[in-house]
Amino acid sequence: MGFIFDFLGGIFGYILWFFFDAVSSYAVAITLFTIFINVLLFPLTVKRQKSMVLTARVNLKQAQLRKKYEKDTKKYNEEVSKLYEKEGVNPMGGCFPMMLPLLLLGGVFGAVTKPLQNTLHIATEKVAKAVSVLPEIPEVSGKFFKGYEQLQLVRHFESIKNHLTMFSAEEFADVEEYSRGFDFFGINLLNRPSGAEFSELLWIIPVLCFLISALGMYLSQKVTGAENQAPGCAKLIPYIGVIFTTYVSYTIPGAVGFYWFVNGALGVIQSLILNKYYNVDTINAKNEASRLALLELKESSVECIKDTKAVKESLNKQKTISSKK
C-alpha cells in the first residue's frame, strides 16, 4: 500500500509543486491543491452521497422488516433481498465510490508528508542519505524525532544545509525555496503543536481539526441516521474517531494537520451542498412522485383500452345493423 501511496504521491506532487511555485506559500498552495483534488473527485463524491442516502432509506425499511420477522430469519432474509431488488440498491455498490477517494487521498497524503521524494522529486537514494544525516548533526540531533523525517529536514534546512552535499544545485535551490514557504500568519507549519510554546499558536490547528471533524461526523450521521441505528457502544465509535484525529493532529507537524483541516473543511462544504439535494426526504419525494406518475400512466392506459373497446363495440354494432339491412 505504501508503494501505491508513493506512486500517487509522486503524481500529485507535481500539482502541489506547481501551486507552491506560483504562490510561494505552503498554506495557500495546499488549499488550492486540495480544492483541485476535491473538484476532481466530485463526481465520485456525488455518487457516494446518493449511495449513502439510498442505503439509509433501505436501512429504515430493513429495521421494520427485522422487527416484523424477528422470529423467522429465513423469511426476513427473503424480504430483505426483495427490498434491495425493489429499491435498486446493491449492498456492495457503495464500496468503490468510497474506496477510490480514500486511495487517492492517500496519494495526496504521500505528497504532503514526503515532500523531497514526492513533491520535489529528488531521487530516493539521495533523500534517504540526507535523512540519515539528520540525527548526526549536533545542531538538530536533540530536535529530531522519528516520523515525518522529510518535513523535519525541510524544517531544519538552514541549520543543516552545509551537510546536504548529496543534492545537486537545482535540488538544493528547490529545497531552500520550499523551506521558506511554511510561515502562515506567524505560525511555523513545520513545527509540532505538542512541542511548541502556547505563544506559537500551533494549538489552533488541532482545535480546528477537532471542530471540523465533529461537524463532518454530525453531517454524515444526519444523512445516514447511523447514530440512531448503531447498537450500544458502537454509537461511541465516531466520537472516538474525532478524538483520535484531534490527538494525532496535536502530535504531527502542523503542515500535515493543516492539510487535514483544509480537506475536512472542503468535505463539510460539499456535504452541506449535497445534503440539500440528496437526502432521504428528497429521495422519498422523488420516488413518490414517480409512483404517482406511473399510477396515472396505468390509469390512462386502462381508460384508453376501455375507450378502444367501446369504439370497437360501436363499430361492430354498426356493421351488424348494416348487414341486416
Protein backbone atom coordinates (compact mmCIF):
# COMPACT_ATOMS: atom_id res chain seq x y z
CA MET A 1 0.00 0.00 0.00
CA GLY A 2 2.91 2.35 0.77
CA PHE A 3 4.19 1.86 -2.78
CA ILE A 4 0.80 2.87 -4.19
CA PHE A 5 0.65 5.97 -1.99
CA ASP A 6 4.19 6.96 -3.03
CA PHE A 7 3.35 6.36 -6.70
CA LEU A 8 0.22 8.52 -6.48
CA GLY A 9 2.05 10.97 -4.23
CA GLY A 10 4.66 11.42 -6.94
CA ILE A 11 1.93 12.27 -9.45
CA PHE A 12 0.10 14.65 -7.12
CA GLY A 13 3.43 16.14 -6.07
CA TYR A 14 3.77 17.77 -9.49
CA ILE A 15 0.45 19.54 -8.93
CA LEU A 16 1.34 20.62 -5.38
CA TRP A 17 4.71 21.95 -6.54
CA PHE A 18 3.01 23.82 -9.41
CA PHE A 19 0.79 25.67 -6.93
CA PHE A 20 3.64 26.25 -4.48
CA ASP A 21 5.94 27.55 -7.19
CA ALA A 22 3.19 30.00 -8.20
CA VAL A 23 2.34 31.38 -4.72
CA SER A 24 5.45 30.55 -2.57
CA SER A 25 3.19 29.71 0.39
CA TYR A 26 2.52 26.18 1.58
CA ALA A 27 -0.79 27.13 3.23
CA VAL A 28 -2.16 28.75 0.06
CA ALA A 29 -0.69 26.03 -2.18
CA ILE A 30 -2.15 23.16 -0.13
CA THR A 31 -5.54 24.90 -0.11
CA LEU A 32 -5.53 25.31 -3.90
CA PHE A 33 -4.20 21.79 -4.30
CA THR A 34 -6.91 20.29 -2.06
CA ILE A 35 -9.63 22.22 -3.89
CA PHE A 36 -8.29 20.84 -7.18
CA ILE A 37 -8.34 17.25 -5.86
CA ASN A 38 -11.85 17.63 -4.42
CA VAL A 39 -13.14 19.02 -7.72
CA LEU A 40 -11.52 16.07 -9.47
CA LEU A 41 -13.26 13.65 -7.11
CA PHE A 42 -16.60 15.49 -7.02
CA PRO A 43 -18.45 13.07 -9.37
CA LEU A 44 -17.47 10.19 -7.09
CA THR A 45 -18.49 12.24 -4.05
CA VAL A 46 -21.96 12.75 -5.56
CA LYS A 47 -22.23 9.04 -6.31
CA ARG A 48 -21.18 8.20 -2.75
CA GLN A 49 -23.74 10.64 -1.34
CA LYS A 50 -26.53 9.04 -3.38
CA SER A 51 -25.42 5.60 -2.25
CA MET A 52 -25.39 6.70 1.41
CA VAL A 53 -28.89 8.19 1.13
CA LEU A 54 -30.33 5.14 -0.60
CA THR A 55 -28.69 2.87 1.96
CA ALA A 56 -30.11 4.97 4.81
CA ARG A 57 -33.58 4.73 3.25
CA VAL A 58 -33.28 0.96 2.86
CA ASN A 59 -31.93 0.61 6.42
CA LEU A 60 -35.09 2.22 7.80
CA LYS A 61 -37.27 -0.27 5.92
CA GLN A 62 -34.93 -3.11 6.84
CA ALA A 63 -35.32 -2.23 10.52
CA GLN A 64 -39.09 -2.56 10.12
CA LEU A 65 -38.67 -5.96 8.48
CA ARG A 66 -36.33 -7.08 11.27
CA LYS A 67 -38.95 -6.20 13.83
CA LYS A 68 -41.72 -7.89 11.84
CA TYR A 69 -39.83 -11.13 11.17
CA GLU A 70 -37.60 -11.28 14.26
CA LYS A 71 -38.61 -14.92 14.84
CA ASP A 72 -38.38 -16.01 11.21
CA THR A 73 -34.84 -15.49 9.92
CA LYS A 74 -35.45 -17.21 6.60
CA LYS A 75 -38.47 -15.04 5.80
CA TYR A 76 -36.58 -11.94 6.92
CA ASN A 77 -33.66 -12.68 4.56
CA GLU A 78 -36.09 -13.27 1.69
CA GLU A 79 -37.87 -9.98 2.32
CA VAL A 80 -34.56 -8.11 2.61
CA SER A 81 -33.46 -9.49 -0.77
CA LYS A 82 -36.75 -8.37 -2.28
CA LEU A 83 -36.30 -4.95 -0.68
CA TYR A 84 -32.82 -4.48 -2.18
CA GLU A 85 -34.11 -5.57 -5.58
CA LYS A 86 -37.12 -3.26 -5.37
CA GLU A 87 -35.06 -0.26 -4.27
CA GLY A 88 -32.30 -0.97 -6.80
CA VAL A 89 -29.63 -0.98 -4.11
CA ASN A 90 -26.51 -3.13 -4.26
CA PRO A 91 -25.13 -3.71 -0.73
CA MET A 92 -21.60 -3.64 -2.18
CA GLY A 93 -22.31 -0.91 -4.71
CA GLY A 94 -21.08 1.92 -2.49
CA CYS A 95 -17.67 0.37 -1.82
CA PHE A 96 -15.89 1.62 -4.94
CA PRO A 97 -17.03 5.29 -4.65
CA MET A 98 -15.80 5.22 -1.03
CA MET A 99 -12.54 3.31 -1.50
CA LEU A 100 -11.20 5.13 -4.57
CA PRO A 101 -11.25 8.64 -2.97
CA LEU A 102 -9.52 7.19 0.12
CA LEU A 103 -6.87 5.63 -2.09
CA LEU A 104 -6.31 8.88 -3.97
CA LEU A 105 -6.26 10.91 -0.77
CA GLY A 106 -3.60 8.50 0.48
CA GLY A 107 -1.56 9.65 -2.51
CA VAL A 108 -2.21 13.28 -1.55
CA PHE A 109 -1.02 12.47 1.96
CA GLY A 110 2.14 10.98 0.43
CA ALA A 111 2.79 14.23 -1.44
CA VAL A 112 2.33 16.26 1.76
CA THR A 113 4.37 14.12 4.15
CA LYS A 114 7.23 13.20 1.79
CA PRO A 115 7.93 16.49 0.02
CA LEU A 116 11.51 15.77 -1.03
CA GLN A 117 10.67 12.46 -2.64
CA ASN A 118 7.16 13.07 -4.00
CA THR A 119 6.82 16.84 -4.41
CA LEU A 120 10.36 17.94 -5.32
CA HIS A 121 11.06 14.55 -6.95
CA ILE A 122 14.58 14.14 -5.58
CA ALA A 123 15.96 10.62 -6.00
CA THR A 124 15.02 8.26 -3.16
CA GLU A 125 18.65 7.35 -2.52
CA LYS A 126 19.61 10.99 -2.02
CA VAL A 127 16.63 11.60 0.27
CA ALA A 128 17.49 8.54 2.39
CA LYS A 129 21.10 9.71 2.69
CA ALA A 130 20.02 13.23 3.69
CA VAL A 131 17.58 11.91 6.29
CA SER A 132 20.24 9.61 7.78
CA VAL A 133 22.47 12.64 8.34
CA LEU A 134 19.91 14.49 10.49
CA PRO A 135 20.44 12.69 13.84
CA GLU A 136 24.21 13.06 13.50
CA ILE A 137 24.22 16.86 13.19
CA PRO A 138 24.76 18.47 16.63
CA GLU A 139 22.60 21.50 15.81
CA VAL A 140 19.46 19.39 15.27
CA SER A 141 20.13 15.99 16.86
CA GLY A 142 18.21 16.94 20.01
CA LYS A 143 15.29 18.32 17.99
CA PHE A 144 14.98 15.33 15.68
CA PHE A 145 12.12 12.86 16.25
CA LYS A 146 11.16 9.69 14.41
CA GLY A 147 8.48 10.15 11.78
CA TYR A 148 7.92 12.73 9.04
CA GLU A 149 11.69 12.92 8.55
CA GLN A 150 11.47 14.73 5.21
CA LEU A 151 9.39 17.53 6.71
CA GLN A 152 11.92 17.78 9.54
CA LEU A 153 14.72 18.10 7.03
CA VAL A 154 12.85 20.98 5.40
CA ARG A 155 12.25 22.49 8.84
CA HIS A 156 15.94 22.46 9.81
CA PHE A 157 17.24 23.31 6.36
CA GLU A 158 19.06 26.50 7.39
CA SER A 159 20.94 24.65 10.15
CA ILE A 160 21.94 21.63 8.07
CA LYS A 161 22.25 22.97 4.53
CA ASN A 162 26.04 22.74 4.62
CA HIS A 163 25.69 18.98 5.17
CA LEU A 164 23.37 18.41 2.19
CA THR A 165 26.16 17.86 -0.31
CA MET A 166 24.29 14.93 -1.87
CA PHE A 167 21.86 17.32 -3.60
CA SER A 168 22.54 18.98 -6.94
CA ALA A 169 22.47 22.77 -7.18
CA GLU A 170 18.93 22.71 -8.61
CA GLU A 171 17.66 20.29 -5.95
CA PHE A 172 19.32 22.36 -3.22
CA ALA A 173 17.60 25.52 -4.53
CA ASP A 174 14.19 23.78 -4.61
CA VAL A 175 14.52 22.55 -1.01
CA GLU A 176 15.61 26.04 0.08
CA GLU A 177 12.62 27.64 -1.66
CA TYR A 178 10.24 25.07 -0.18
CA SER A 179 11.61 25.58 3.36
CA ARG A 180 10.75 29.28 3.24
CA GLY A 181 7.07 28.80 2.46
CA PHE A 182 5.75 27.36 5.74
CA ASP A 183 5.10 30.57 7.64
CA PHE A 184 1.35 31.11 7.98
CA PHE A 185 0.46 34.39 9.75
CA GLY A 186 3.43 33.89 12.07
CA ILE A 187 2.76 30.16 12.62
CA ASN A 188 5.55 27.81 11.51
CA LEU A 189 3.68 24.85 9.99
CA LEU A 190 6.81 22.68 10.16
CA ASN A 191 6.68 22.58 13.97
CA ARG A 192 4.53 20.22 16.03
CA PRO A 193 1.81 21.61 18.31
CA SER A 194 2.91 19.16 21.04
CA GLY A 195 6.44 20.57 21.03
CA ALA A 196 5.62 24.26 20.59
CA GLU A 197 5.06 27.05 23.07
CA PHE A 198 1.50 28.29 23.57
CA SER A 199 2.51 31.66 22.10
CA GLU A 200 3.42 29.96 18.79
CA LEU A 201 -0.33 29.38 18.26
CA LEU A 202 0.15 25.92 16.74
CA TRP A 203 -2.54 24.65 19.17
CA ILE A 204 -5.05 26.30 16.82
CA ILE A 205 -4.53 23.51 14.27
CA PRO A 206 -5.70 20.57 16.47
CA VAL A 207 -8.59 22.73 17.69
CA LEU A 208 -9.65 23.39 14.10
CA CYS A 209 -9.22 19.67 13.27
CA PHE A 210 -11.47 18.78 16.21
CA LEU A 211 -14.19 21.23 15.18
CA ILE A 212 -14.19 20.24 11.52
CA SER A 213 -14.09 16.50 12.33
CA ALA A 214 -17.01 16.85 14.74
CA LEU A 215 -19.02 18.82 12.19
CA GLY A 216 -18.22 16.30 9.45
CA MET A 217 -19.32 13.44 11.72
CA TYR A 218 -22.59 15.23 12.53
CA LEU A 219 -23.40 15.80 8.85
CA SER A 220 -22.57 12.20 7.97
CA GLN A 221 -24.83 10.87 10.74
CA LYS A 222 -27.58 13.21 9.63
CA VAL A 223 -27.52 11.66 6.16
CA THR A 224 -27.17 8.02 7.17
CA GLY A 225 -29.00 8.04 10.51
CA ALA A 226 -26.08 5.97 11.83
CA GLU A 227 -26.31 7.38 15.37
CA ASN A 228 -29.87 6.10 15.81
CA GLN A 229 -29.20 2.73 14.15
CA ALA A 230 -25.89 1.84 15.80
CA PRO A 231 -26.23 -0.63 18.69
CA GLY A 232 -24.84 0.08 22.16
CA CYS A 233 -21.20 1.08 22.34
CA ALA A 234 -20.96 1.31 18.53
CA LYS A 235 -22.50 4.77 18.87
CA LEU A 236 -19.28 5.93 20.51
CA ILE A 237 -17.00 4.91 17.62
CA PRO A 238 -17.44 8.16 15.59
CA TYR A 239 -16.70 10.22 18.70
CA ILE A 240 -13.58 8.18 19.41
CA GLY A 241 -12.54 8.83 15.80
CA VAL A 242 -12.89 12.59 16.29
CA ILE A 243 -10.84 12.49 19.49
CA PHE A 244 -8.16 10.32 17.87
CA THR A 245 -7.90 12.68 14.88
CA THR A 246 -7.50 15.63 17.22
CA TYR A 247 -4.79 13.86 19.22
CA VAL A 248 -2.84 12.86 16.11
CA SER A 249 -3.03 16.41 14.71
CA TYR A 250 -1.54 17.58 18.04
CA THR A 251 1.49 15.28 17.71
CA ILE A 252 2.37 15.68 14.00
CA PRO A 253 3.87 18.63 12.09
CA GLY A 254 1.41 21.48 11.62
CA ALA A 255 1.69 21.18 7.84
CA VAL A 256 0.01 17.76 7.91
CA GLY A 257 -2.64 18.88 10.41
CA PHE A 258 -3.35 21.94 8.30
CA TYR A 259 -3.91 19.72 5.26
CA TRP A 260 -6.33 17.58 7.30
CA PHE A 261 -8.25 20.68 8.32
CA VAL A 262 -8.46 22.10 4.77
CA ASN A 263 -9.55 18.75 3.36
CA GLY A 264 -12.11 18.34 6.15
CA ALA A 265 -13.45 21.86 5.65
CA LEU A 266 -13.94 21.26 1.93
CA GLY A 267 -15.64 17.96 2.77
CA VAL A 268 -18.07 19.78 5.08
CA ILE A 269 -18.85 22.35 2.38
CA GLN A 270 -19.55 19.56 -0.10
CA SER A 271 -21.75 17.77 2.44
CA LEU A 272 -23.79 20.92 3.11
CA ILE A 273 -24.39 21.36 -0.62
CA LEU A 274 -25.11 17.71 -1.38
CA ASN A 275 -27.29 17.20 1.69
CA LYS A 276 -29.60 19.87 0.32
CA TYR A 277 -30.19 17.99 -2.92
CA TYR A 278 -29.57 14.38 -1.94
CA ASN A 279 -31.24 13.37 1.33
CA VAL A 280 -33.77 10.76 2.44
CA ASP A 281 -36.71 13.19 2.25
CA THR A 282 -35.78 14.27 -1.28
CA ILE A 283 -35.34 10.68 -2.45
CA ASN A 284 -38.67 9.70 -0.88
CA ALA A 285 -40.40 12.64 -2.55
CA LYS A 286 -38.92 11.73 -5.94
CA ASN A 287 -39.91 8.10 -5.54
CA GLU A 288 -43.43 9.08 -4.51
CA ALA A 289 -43.71 11.40 -7.49
CA SER A 290 -42.51 8.60 -9.78
CA ARG A 291 -45.01 6.20 -8.20
CA LEU A 292 -47.91 8.63 -8.72
CA ALA A 293 -46.80 9.34 -12.28
CA LEU A 294 -46.67 5.60 -13.00
CA LEU A 295 -50.08 5.13 -11.40
CA GLU A 296 -51.56 7.90 -13.54
CA LEU A 297 -49.97 6.34 -16.63
CA LYS A 298 -51.51 2.98 -15.79
CA GLU A 299 -54.92 4.59 -15.20
CA SER A 300 -54.63 6.42 -18.52
CA SER A 301 -53.72 3.17 -20.24
CA VAL A 302 -56.75 1.45 -18.72
CA GLU A 303 -59.05 4.27 -19.83
CA CYS A 304 -57.53 4.18 -23.29
CA ILE A 305 -58.13 0.42 -23.51
CA LYS A 306 -61.72 0.92 -22.37
CA ASP A 307 -62.27 3.63 -24.96
CA THR A 308 -60.75 1.41 -27.66
CA LYS A 309 -63.04 -1.46 -26.68
CA ALA A 310 -66.05 0.87 -26.73
CA VAL A 311 -65.15 2.11 -30.19
CA LYS A 312 -64.73 -1.46 -31.45
CA GLU A 313 -68.07 -2.49 -29.97
CA SER A 314 -69.75 0.51 -31.57
CA LEU A 315 -68.24 -0.31 -34.95
CA ASN A 316 -69.30 -3.94 -34.62
CA LYS A 317 -72.88 -2.88 -33.84
CA GLN A 318 -72.94 -0.60 -36.85
CA LYS A 319 -71.66 -3.44 -39.07
CA THR A 320 -74.31 -5.78 -37.68
CA ILE A 321 -77.07 -3.24 -38.36
CA SER A 322 -75.78 -2.58 -41.86
CA SER A 323 -75.63 -6.30 -42.69
CA LYS A 324 -79.23 -6.79 -41.55
CA LYS A 325 -80.39 -4.01 -43.80
